Amino acid sequence: MTTQIQRLTQHRFTVDEYYATAYAGIPKENARVELIQGEIVEMGPLGNRHAACVDRLVDLLTLLTRKQAIIRVQNPVHINDYSTVEPDLMLLVRRDEFYVSDRPSSSDVLLLVEVSDTILQYDRNVKFPIYANAGIVEVWIADL
């Protein structure tokens, strides 16, 4: 007798489905997650060194940009139909309404920064190619 095993496929979430689950309370309200290529990925907690580095970058970029761009910290950017991420810091094209009507997309990003304490290889090998494919031209990594 031959047993046939049916191959199961994973469901890739779209950005719209991802936000619908978030509005429904899945995952939990304060969970640190991102949608990467259709998969909901849990991010680790932010340590003191990580937070301090982000704060220093915000301080420096605030002085340098002087209201020429919007500095966005750990907030979402729409990458494509299957990815929305929350990088540590972005400089965005300045809009008077500060993106209240819609989330910024990759074309709005002037600079994207990831601060990496424990997931350097993940940032380099998974996230950076996604950013490059989305046309984000300036991406930095701060390797702690």
Protein backbone atom coordinates (compact mmCIF):
# COMPACT_ATOMS: atom_id res chain seq x y z
CA MET A 1 0.00 0.00 0.00
CA THR A 2 1.34 3.43 -0.96
CA THR A 3 0.67 6.39 1.23
CA GLN A 4 0.36 9.65 -0.57
CA ILE A 5 1.44 12.77 1.28
CA GLN A 6 -0.11 15.96 0.11
CA ARG A 7 2.28 18.86 0.04
CA LEU A 8 1.03 21.83 2.04
CA THR A 9 1.72 25.34 0.88
CA GLN A 10 2.27 28.32 3.09
CA HIS A 11 0.05 31.34 2.78
CA ARG A 12 1.88 34.52 1.85
CA PHE A 13 0.19 37.52 3.40
CA THR A 14 -0.32 40.65 1.37
CA VAL A 15 0.23 44.01 3.01
CA ASP A 16 -3.55 44.54 3.12
CA GLU A 17 -4.08 41.15 4.82
CA TYR A 18 -1.27 41.90 7.25
CA TYR A 19 -2.87 45.16 8.35
CA ALA A 20 -6.30 43.51 8.53
CA THR A 21 -4.90 40.93 10.97
CA ALA A 22 -3.26 43.70 12.98
CA TYR A 23 -6.55 45.61 13.24
CA ALA A 24 -8.19 42.37 14.39
CA GLY A 25 -5.65 42.06 17.23
CA ILE A 26 -3.42 39.41 15.65
CA PRO A 27 -0.58 39.58 16.57
CA LYS A 28 -0.81 41.19 19.98
CA GLU A 29 -0.98 44.98 20.04
CA ASN A 30 2.60 45.70 21.14
CA ALA A 31 4.27 42.87 19.22
CA ARG A 32 7.30 43.92 17.18
CA VAL A 33 6.66 42.32 13.79
CA GLU A 34 7.28 43.08 10.13
CA LEU A 35 5.91 41.60 6.93
CA ILE A 36 8.85 40.27 4.92
CA GLN A 37 8.03 38.70 1.55
CA GLY A 38 4.61 37.60 2.78
CA GLU A 39 5.80 36.19 6.11
CA ILE A 40 5.12 37.81 9.46
CA VAL A 41 8.50 37.99 11.18
CA GLU A 42 8.84 38.68 14.88
CA MET A 43 11.59 41.12 15.76
CA GLY A 44 13.54 40.97 18.99
CA PRO A 45 13.41 43.57 21.75
CA LEU A 46 15.44 46.74 21.41
CA GLY A 47 18.42 46.99 23.74
CA ASN A 48 19.96 50.09 25.25
CA ARG A 49 22.84 50.27 22.74
CA HIS A 50 20.39 49.99 19.87
CA ALA A 51 18.12 52.72 21.25
CA ALA A 52 21.05 55.03 21.97
CA CYS A 53 22.40 54.62 18.44
CA VAL A 54 18.99 55.47 16.95
CA ASP A 55 18.73 58.51 19.23
CA ARG A 56 22.19 59.72 18.18
CA LEU A 57 21.31 59.35 14.50
CA VAL A 58 18.06 61.27 14.99
CA ASP A 59 19.95 64.03 16.79
CA LEU A 60 22.56 64.29 14.02
CA LEU A 61 20.11 64.09 11.12
CA THR A 62 17.80 66.65 12.72
CA LEU A 63 20.68 69.13 12.72
CA LEU A 64 21.68 68.30 9.14
CA THR A 65 18.28 68.25 7.46
CA ARG A 66 16.71 71.34 9.08
CA LYS A 67 13.14 70.64 7.96
CA GLN A 68 14.17 69.53 4.47
CA ALA A 69 12.99 65.97 5.12
CA ILE A 70 10.86 64.05 7.58
CA ILE A 71 12.75 61.88 10.05
CA ARG A 72 10.75 58.74 10.80
CA VAL A 73 11.81 56.35 13.56
CA GLN A 74 10.70 52.68 13.67
CA ASN A 75 7.53 53.30 11.67
CA PRO A 76 6.28 51.44 8.61
CA VAL A 77 7.16 51.92 4.98
CA HIS A 78 5.33 50.08 2.19
CA ILE A 79 7.90 48.18 0.12
CA ASN A 80 5.73 46.07 -2.19
CA ASP A 81 2.54 43.99 -2.10
CA TYR A 82 4.15 41.45 0.26
CA SER A 83 6.51 43.52 2.42
CA THR A 84 6.05 46.36 4.86
CA VAL A 85 8.89 47.00 7.27
CA GLU A 86 9.72 49.25 10.19
CA PRO A 87 13.35 50.27 9.75
CA ASP A 88 15.10 51.96 12.60
CA LEU A 89 15.25 55.31 10.86
CA MET A 90 14.26 56.88 7.55
CA LEU A 91 14.56 60.26 5.93
CA LEU A 92 11.44 60.80 3.85
CA VAL A 93 10.46 63.29 1.21
CA ARG A 94 8.89 66.15 3.14
CA ARG A 95 5.11 66.40 3.02
CA ASP A 96 3.16 69.06 4.87
CA GLU A 97 0.66 66.44 6.06
CA PHE A 98 3.41 64.06 7.32
CA TYR A 99 1.93 61.02 5.52
CA VAL A 100 -1.31 61.06 7.48
CA SER A 101 -3.30 60.11 4.36
CA ASP A 102 -1.17 57.10 3.42
CA ARG A 103 1.96 55.23 4.43
CA PRO A 104 5.19 56.22 2.75
CA SER A 105 6.37 53.95 -0.02
CA SER A 106 9.88 53.11 -1.17
CA SER A 107 9.85 56.05 -3.61
CA ASP A 108 9.43 58.44 -0.65
CA VAL A 109 12.58 57.18 1.10
CA LEU A 110 15.67 59.36 0.79
CA LEU A 111 17.68 57.34 3.33
CA LEU A 112 16.91 54.17 5.26
CA VAL A 113 19.00 53.08 8.26
CA GLU A 114 18.99 49.74 10.07
CA VAL A 115 20.77 49.54 13.42
CA SER A 116 22.02 46.00 13.85
CA ASP A 117 23.07 44.58 17.19
CA THR A 118 22.33 40.86 16.86
CA ILE A 119 20.84 40.37 13.38
CA LEU A 120 23.50 41.80 11.06
CA GLN A 121 23.40 38.87 8.62
CA TYR A 122 19.60 39.00 8.46
CA ASP A 123 19.69 42.72 7.68
CA ARG A 124 22.36 42.24 5.01
CA ASN A 125 21.08 39.07 3.37
CA VAL A 126 17.30 39.42 3.67
CA LYS A 127 16.30 43.04 4.13
CA PHE A 128 18.89 44.86 2.02
CA PRO A 129 18.05 42.97 -1.19
CA ILE A 130 14.38 43.80 -0.61
CA TYR A 131 15.27 47.48 -0.24
CA ALA A 132 17.43 47.40 -3.38
CA ASN A 133 14.70 45.69 -5.42
CA ALA A 134 12.25 48.36 -4.24
CA GLY A 135 14.53 51.08 -5.59
CA ILE A 136 15.64 52.58 -2.27
CA VAL A 137 18.93 54.11 -3.32
CA GLU A 138 20.51 54.96 0.03
CA VAL A 139 20.57 52.32 2.76
CA TRP A 140 22.91 52.35 5.74
CA ILE A 141 23.61 49.79 8.39
CA ALA A 142 24.94 50.72 11.81
CA ASP A 143 26.70 47.57 13.04
CA LEU A 144 26.91 47.73 16.80
